[in-house]
Protein backbone atom coordinates (compact mmCIF):
# COMPACT_ATOMS: atom_id res chain seq x y z
CA MET A 1 196.36 93.55 134.20
CA LYS A 2 197.30 96.44 134.94
CA LYS A 3 200.27 99.03 133.14
CA LEU A 4 203.10 98.90 131.77
CA LEU A 5 202.04 101.25 129.77
CA LEU A 6 198.99 103.24 128.73
CA VAL A 7 200.50 105.13 125.90
CA THR A 8 200.73 108.89 125.60
CA PHE A 9 198.37 109.32 122.68
CA LEU A 10 195.66 107.35 124.51
CA ALA A 11 196.19 109.37 127.67
CA ALA A 12 195.69 112.51 125.62
CA GLY A 13 192.56 111.02 124.19
CA CYS A 14 191.16 110.48 127.67
CA LEU A 15 191.53 114.20 128.33
CA SER A 16 189.75 115.26 125.18
CA ALA A 17 187.24 112.44 124.72
CA CYS A 18 185.10 112.46 127.80
CA GLY A 19 181.62 111.27 126.91
CA SER A 20 179.46 108.20 126.53
CA LEU A 21 179.75 105.23 124.23
CA HIS A 22 176.79 103.10 123.24
CA ILE A 23 176.23 99.97 121.22
CA GLY A 24 175.55 100.61 117.54
CA PRO A 25 172.93 98.78 115.47
CA LYS A 26 173.74 95.13 114.83
CA GLY A 27 177.18 95.56 116.38
CA GLU A 28 178.54 97.49 113.39
CA GLY A 29 180.22 100.04 115.60
CA GLU A 30 180.03 102.16 118.70
CA TYR A 31 178.35 105.53 119.06
CA VAL A 32 180.92 107.72 120.78
CA THR A 33 180.44 111.20 122.13
CA ALA A 34 183.80 112.95 121.98
CA GLU A 35 185.14 116.48 122.39
CA SER A 36 188.02 118.64 121.24
CA LEU A 37 189.58 122.00 122.05
CA ILE A 38 191.74 123.67 119.41
CA PRO A 39 193.16 127.22 119.04
CA TYR A 40 190.61 129.76 117.79
CA ASP A 41 191.37 131.83 114.68
CA GLU A 42 188.75 134.44 113.90
CA ASN A 43 190.26 135.02 110.47
CA ASN A 44 189.73 131.43 109.35
CA LEU A 45 186.58 130.22 111.07
CA ARG A 46 185.70 127.67 108.38
CA GLN A 47 189.04 125.88 108.85
CA VAL A 48 188.69 126.07 112.64
CA ARG A 49 185.31 124.32 112.45
CA LYS A 50 186.77 121.62 110.21
CA ASP A 51 189.83 121.10 112.41
CA GLY A 52 187.63 120.90 115.50
CA ILE A 53 185.57 118.09 113.99
CA LEU A 54 188.70 116.19 112.89
CA ALA A 55 190.24 116.51 116.36
CA ALA A 56 187.05 115.23 117.99
CA GLN A 57 186.90 112.31 115.54
CA LYS A 58 190.47 111.41 116.46
CA ALA A 59 189.54 111.54 120.15
CA ALA A 60 186.62 109.18 119.48
CA VAL A 61 188.88 106.67 117.74
CA GLU A 62 191.46 106.93 120.52
CA LYS A 63 188.77 106.16 123.09
CA VAL A 64 187.70 102.99 121.30
CA ALA A 65 191.29 101.90 120.61
CA GLY A 66 192.13 102.39 124.28
CA ILE A 67 189.77 99.64 125.45
CA PHE A 68 191.70 97.08 123.39
CA ILE A 69 195.14 98.03 124.76
CA SER A 70 196.39 95.47 127.28
CA SER A 71 198.99 95.86 130.01
CA ALA A 72 201.36 93.83 127.84
CA THR A 73 201.37 96.47 125.11
CA THR A 74 204.88 97.66 124.38
CA VAL A 75 205.93 101.15 123.32
CA GLU A 76 206.79 99.82 119.86
CA GLN A 77 203.41 98.16 119.47
CA ALA A 78 201.64 101.30 120.68
CA GLN A 79 203.44 103.24 117.95
CA LEU A 80 202.10 100.80 115.36
CA VAL A 81 198.61 101.32 116.73
CA GLU A 82 199.17 105.06 116.39
CA ASP A 83 200.41 104.65 112.80
CA LYS A 84 197.70 102.24 111.65
CA ILE A 85 194.68 103.60 113.49
CA VAL A 86 194.86 107.02 115.10
CA SER A 87 196.68 108.67 112.21
CA LYS A 88 194.01 107.34 109.83
CA THR A 89 190.94 108.37 111.76
CA ALA A 90 188.64 108.82 108.75
CA GLY A 91 188.82 105.12 107.88
CA PHE A 92 187.27 104.17 111.22
CA ILE A 93 184.39 106.65 111.36
CA ARG A 94 181.18 105.38 109.76
CA ARG A 95 179.28 108.60 110.34
CA SER A 96 179.30 111.59 112.68
CA HIS A 97 177.44 114.79 113.38
CA THR A 98 178.30 117.87 115.39
CA GLN A 99 176.34 118.34 118.60
CA LYS A 100 178.02 121.51 119.85
CA ALA A 101 180.57 123.93 118.42
CA TYR A 102 181.42 127.34 119.86
CA ARG A 103 184.20 129.66 120.91
CA LYS A 104 185.54 129.08 124.42
CA GLY A 105 187.94 131.88 125.28
CA ASP A 106 190.92 131.58 122.96
CA GLU A 107 189.89 128.08 121.91
CA TRP A 108 187.23 126.42 119.79
CA TYR A 109 185.15 123.70 121.46
CA THR A 110 183.58 120.89 119.43
CA GLN A 111 181.44 117.99 120.56
CA ILE A 112 180.47 115.24 118.11
CA LYS A 113 178.63 111.97 118.12
CA ALA A 114 180.33 109.46 115.84
CA MET A 115 179.93 105.81 114.97
CA VAL A 116 183.38 104.22 115.31
CA LEU A 117 184.05 100.85 113.68
CA VAL A 118 185.07 98.93 116.79
CA LYS A 119 185.60 95.57 115.10
CA ASN A 120 187.99 97.04 112.53
CA ILE A 121 190.08 98.69 115.25
CA GLY A 122 190.11 95.57 117.41
CA ASP A 123 191.17 93.39 114.47
CA ILE A 124 194.10 95.67 113.62
CA ILE A 125 195.36 95.73 117.21
CA LYS A 126 195.18 91.93 117.47
CA GLU A 127 196.98 91.56 114.13
CA THR A 128 199.68 93.90 115.40
CA GLU A 129 200.10 91.78 118.53
CA ALA A 130 200.23 88.52 116.58
CA GLU A 131 202.46 89.61 113.71
CA SER A 132 204.92 91.97 115.30
CA PHE A 133 205.27 91.34 119.01
CA SER A 134 204.99 88.33 121.25
CA LYS A 135 203.08 88.81 124.46
CA LYS A 136 205.40 90.05 127.19
CA ALA A 137 205.20 89.85 130.95
CA THR A 138 205.85 93.13 132.72
CA MET A 139 208.64 93.14 135.31
CA LEU A 140 209.77 95.92 137.65
CA ILE A 141 213.51 96.09 138.36
CA THR A 142 214.52 97.46 141.77
CA SER A 143 217.88 97.44 143.53
CA ARG A 144 220.01 98.50 146.47
CA GLU A 145 223.58 99.17 145.35
CA MET A 146 226.27 99.75 147.97
CA ILE A 147 229.90 100.76 147.52
CA GLY A 148 231.45 100.16 150.91
CA GLU A 149 229.11 101.86 153.36
CA GLU A 150 227.76 104.34 150.81
CA ILE A 151 224.64 103.95 148.65
CA SER A 152 225.30 104.23 144.92
CA LEU A 153 222.64 105.86 142.75
CA LYS A 154 224.30 105.07 139.42
CA GLN A 155 222.07 102.02 138.79
CA ASP A 156 224.89 99.88 137.43
CA CYS A 157 223.18 96.75 138.72
CA LYS A 158 219.85 97.60 137.10
CA GLN A 159 221.56 98.19 133.77
CA ALA A 160 223.36 94.86 134.06
CA ILE A 161 220.07 93.06 134.75
CA TYR A 162 218.57 94.73 131.70
CA ARG A 163 221.45 93.53 129.53
CA ALA A 164 221.02 89.98 130.82
CA LEU A 165 217.25 89.82 130.31
CA LYS A 166 216.51 92.15 127.39
CA MET A 167 216.13 89.30 124.88
CA GLN A 168 213.55 87.48 127.02
CA PRO A 169 209.77 87.93 126.53
CA ILE A 170 209.65 90.50 129.31
CA THR A 171 208.88 94.20 129.39
CA LEU A 172 211.44 95.66 131.82
CA ILE A 173 210.49 98.72 133.85
CA ASN A 174 212.93 100.77 135.89
CA GLY A 175 211.89 100.81 139.55
CA ASP A 176 212.95 102.55 142.73
CA ASN A 177 216.03 102.11 144.85
CA LEU A 178 215.42 99.71 147.72
CA SER A 179 215.69 100.31 151.43
CA GLN A 180 216.66 97.75 154.04
CA ASN A 181 212.99 97.59 155.04
CA ASN A 182 212.01 96.75 151.43
CA LEU A 183 214.49 93.91 151.38
CA GLU A 184 213.33 92.48 154.70
CA ASN A 185 209.61 92.96 154.06
CA PRO A 186 208.80 93.39 150.35
CA ASN A 187 205.01 93.03 150.63
CA SER A 188 204.13 96.71 150.36
CA LEU A 189 206.37 97.09 147.31
CA LEU A 190 204.85 94.00 145.69
CA GLU A 191 201.33 95.19 146.40
CA LYS A 192 201.99 98.54 144.75
CA ALA A 193 203.61 96.83 141.75
CA ARG A 194 200.57 94.56 141.41
CA ARG A 195 198.23 97.57 141.39
CA ASP A 196 200.42 99.24 138.77
CA GLY A 197 200.24 96.21 136.49
CA GLU A 198 203.64 94.57 136.98
CA ARG A 199 203.54 90.78 137.00
CA PHE A 200 207.00 90.31 138.55
CA VAL A 201 209.37 92.37 140.67
CA VAL A 202 213.15 91.96 140.63
CA MET A 203 214.84 92.84 143.93
CA ALA A 204 218.61 93.07 143.62
CA ASP A 205 220.91 93.62 146.58
CA VAL A 206 224.57 94.19 145.70
CA GLU A 207 227.52 95.37 147.74
CA THR A 208 231.10 95.93 146.63
CA LYS A 209 234.19 96.61 148.72
CA PRO A 210 237.83 97.32 147.91
CA LEU A 211 240.37 94.54 148.15
CA PRO A 212 244.05 95.30 148.70
CA LEU A 213 245.80 94.13 145.51
CA GLU A 214 248.79 93.27 147.63
CA ALA A 215 246.72 90.54 149.26
CA LEU A 216 246.33 88.93 145.83
CA THR A 217 249.80 89.40 144.36
CA ALA A 218 253.30 89.84 145.62
CA THR A 219 253.85 93.06 143.67
CA VAL A 220 252.63 96.60 144.15
CA SER A 221 250.23 97.77 141.40
CA PRO A 222 248.50 101.05 140.59
CA PHE A 223 245.26 99.14 139.93
CA LYS A 224 242.41 99.02 142.43
CA THR A 225 240.33 95.88 142.95
CA TYR A 226 236.74 95.73 144.16
CA ARG A 227 234.83 92.55 144.97
CA ALA A 228 231.02 92.60 144.61
CA ASN A 229 228.42 90.19 145.97
CA ALA A 230 225.06 90.29 144.20
CA ASN A 231 221.88 88.55 145.32
CA ILE A 232 218.77 88.80 143.15
CA ARG A 233 215.27 87.58 143.87
CA VAL A 234 212.24 87.69 141.57
CA PHE A 235 208.77 87.77 143.14
CA SER A 236 205.36 87.19 141.61
CA THR A 237 202.93 89.99 142.40
CA ASN A 238 200.11 87.46 142.19
CA ASN A 239 200.91 85.63 145.44
CA PHE A 240 204.13 87.41 146.55
CA ALA A 241 206.06 84.14 146.22
CA PRO A 242 209.66 84.05 144.93
CA VAL A 243 209.88 82.50 141.48
CA ALA A 244 213.61 82.80 140.74
CA THR A 245 216.87 83.56 142.55
CA GLY A 246 220.45 84.20 141.50
CA SER A 247 223.71 85.10 143.23
CA GLN A 248 227.16 85.91 141.94
CA GLN A 249 230.50 87.23 143.20
CA GLN A 250 232.73 89.13 140.79
CA SER A 251 235.73 91.44 140.90
CA GLY A 252 236.48 94.66 139.05
CA LEU A 253 239.96 96.02 138.31
CA ASP A 254 240.82 99.57 137.28
CA PRO A 255 243.24 102.39 138.20
CA LEU A 256 240.21 104.47 139.24
CA PRO A 257 238.43 103.15 142.35
CA GLU A 258 234.97 104.25 141.18
CA ILE A 259 235.39 102.44 137.85
CA ALA A 260 236.67 99.31 139.56
CA ALA A 261 233.60 99.37 141.84
CA GLN A 262 231.30 99.89 138.83
CA LYS A 263 232.88 96.98 136.95
CA SER A 264 232.49 94.64 139.90
CA ILE A 265 228.80 95.55 140.43
CA SER A 266 227.97 95.19 136.74
CA ALA A 267 229.70 91.83 136.41
CA ALA A 268 228.15 90.38 139.58
CA CYS A 269 224.62 91.54 138.76
CA GLU A 270 224.77 90.40 135.14
CA GLY A 271 226.01 86.97 136.22
CA ALA A 272 223.29 86.66 138.87
CA ALA A 273 220.59 87.82 136.44
CA LYS A 274 221.52 85.19 133.87
CA GLN A 275 220.80 82.54 136.50
CA LEU A 276 217.18 83.72 136.65
CA THR A 277 216.25 82.89 133.06
CA GLU A 278 215.10 79.28 133.30
CA ASP A 279 212.93 79.67 136.40
CA LEU A 280 211.58 83.02 135.23
CA LEU A 281 210.50 81.64 131.84
CA SER A 282 208.86 78.73 133.63
CA ALA A 283 206.88 81.18 135.76
CA ILE A 284 205.90 83.26 132.73
CA ASN A 285 204.67 80.22 130.83
CA SER A 286 202.85 78.71 133.81
CA THR A 287 199.65 80.66 133.23
CA LYS A 288 196.59 79.13 131.63
CA THR A 289 194.28 80.98 129.26
CA PHE A 290 190.49 80.91 129.60
CA LYS A 291 187.85 82.50 127.41
CA LEU A 292 185.64 84.91 129.34
CA THR A 293 182.45 86.33 127.83
CA ILE A 294 180.63 89.17 129.59
CA LYS A 295 177.11 89.77 128.26
CA ASN A 296 174.84 92.79 128.73
CA VAL A 297 177.71 95.31 128.73
CA ASN A 298 175.94 98.01 126.68
CA THR A 299 178.09 101.07 127.49
CA ILE A 300 181.75 102.04 127.73
CA GLU A 301 181.29 102.84 131.40
CA ARG A 302 180.13 99.28 132.12
CA LEU A 303 182.93 97.85 129.98
CA LYS A 304 185.47 99.81 132.02
CA LEU A 305 183.82 98.49 135.18
CA VAL A 306 184.45 94.93 133.97
CA GLN A 307 188.07 95.77 133.14
CA ASP A 308 188.58 97.33 136.58
CA ILE A 309 187.21 94.20 138.24
CA LEU A 310 189.61 91.98 136.28
CA LYS A 311 192.50 94.27 137.24
CA LYS A 312 191.69 93.92 140.93
CA LEU A 313 191.46 90.12 140.91
CA ASN A 314 194.70 88.75 142.38
CA VAL A 315 194.28 85.46 140.51
CA VAL A 316 194.27 87.22 137.11
CA GLU A 317 197.79 87.73 135.78
CA ASP A 318 196.65 89.63 132.70
CA PHE A 319 193.78 89.84 130.21
CA ASN A 320 193.12 91.00 126.68
CA LEU A 321 189.88 92.33 125.26
CA VAL A 322 189.60 90.24 122.10
CA ARG A 323 186.28 91.49 120.76
CA TYR A 324 183.44 93.79 121.72
CA ALA A 325 180.17 93.59 119.81
CA ASN A 326 176.42 93.21 120.26
CA SER A 327 176.50 94.17 123.95
CA SER A 328 179.09 91.48 124.77
CA ALA A 329 182.80 91.66 125.59
CA TYR A 330 185.09 88.72 124.87
CA PHE A 331 188.31 88.39 126.88
CA ASP A 332 191.32 86.11 127.03
CA VAL A 333 192.14 85.79 130.73
CA PHE A 334 195.59 84.62 131.87
CA THR A 335 195.72 83.01 135.30
CA ASN A 336 197.56 80.43 137.38
CA ILE A 337 194.25 78.87 138.39
CA SER A 338 193.98 75.30 137.14
CA ASN A 339 190.40 75.26 135.85
CA SER A 340 187.61 77.56 134.72
CA TYR A 341 185.24 76.54 137.52
CA GLU A 342 187.70 77.71 140.14
CA LEU A 343 188.20 80.98 138.26
CA GLU A 344 184.43 81.50 138.11
CA ALA A 345 184.22 80.89 141.86
CA GLN A 346 186.98 83.43 142.52
CA ILE A 347 185.18 86.08 140.46
CA LEU A 348 181.82 85.49 142.12
CA ARG A 349 183.32 85.30 145.60
CA GLN A 350 184.32 88.96 145.35
CA TYR A 351 181.87 90.33 142.79
CA ASN A 352 178.71 88.26 143.03
CA VAL A 353 176.56 91.42 143.00
CA ASN A 354 178.00 92.35 139.61
CA PHE A 355 177.57 89.08 137.71
CA THR A 356 175.16 86.24 137.06
CA VAL A 357 176.49 82.95 135.67
CA ASP A 358 175.34 82.20 132.14
CA ASN A 359 177.41 79.10 131.34
CA THR A 360 180.77 77.53 132.21
CA THR A 361 182.76 74.87 130.37
CA PRO A 362 186.27 73.52 131.07
CA SER A 363 187.82 76.23 128.86
CA ALA A 364 185.33 79.11 128.94
CA ILE A 365 183.17 81.18 131.26
CA SER A 366 180.11 83.21 130.29
CA LEU A 367 178.74 85.77 132.74
CA VAL A 368 175.99 88.38 132.53
CA LEU A 369 176.77 91.82 133.88
CA ASN A 370 173.96 92.84 136.23
């Protein structure tokens, strides 16, 4: 799992909410130490104190909400999280008290310790996922686009791929322009995409050249014709294997050569991209889901350690934190591995010092964090 997207408001929260998080009594919430810095106004100190506490409470809620955000979270869904949770901070704070508050240059520093209702936040995020947005795979789109012997940076092919795939359950991310080395040996590109959280990478190679119209007709015409050849491959970042391919040849006709070239590239790439759909959907839906329980978590730092381990496991396509309470974290793990026992073995093979097996069934794994 990895990122499409950690959203801006959560990133801001990470800057302002740097502290510890501990299990609350009977799992009712999480004690969060959070901070804020706001402009100082010596003429209205009472309001400054109040605003500092509110900003720190918001940072505390953002910190807790952030642990439930998966790599499949879309921008639209993140906005709903912002609207339903972060903008209504007071409804998720059970209690709080100020630990520090003082002037810091031209700013006012506040540190609080607050009990944040983790279950309430987690439930809202899961409802948002279920009601508003289907889970989406994240796919990076890259291309090399050539007009004759010149490289085109207009990204006509990428835009055509987007048009062809935008209705599929895929989050499309604009990637870099490809070099010949990338096309011949894509492993380094795929490895970086895997670290960044992309599940698939599209590699499009398209070239268009002018055709003399006289070779096609017996009459002289002011129109220019370009013929494009597009070849598209989709790779899984899990095992670097190709999961879908498409190729198309199309022409573009226009009085302006650059427009004719653009038309030919767009048509060829869109046609090739449409050929990817069936195999791509098959690859997306090939993953199995297992329940993973991690006991003895206790702190936000240890929870983040577990999440980092899951991100680094090549066999894990994605994961969602479903619930976090009473020192235990409950995940849905998406993987191409056929059974839970094999998944358990893969986890322990790399991270046996971190976990002890509690119990494993055909559909679920329970581990204790050491």
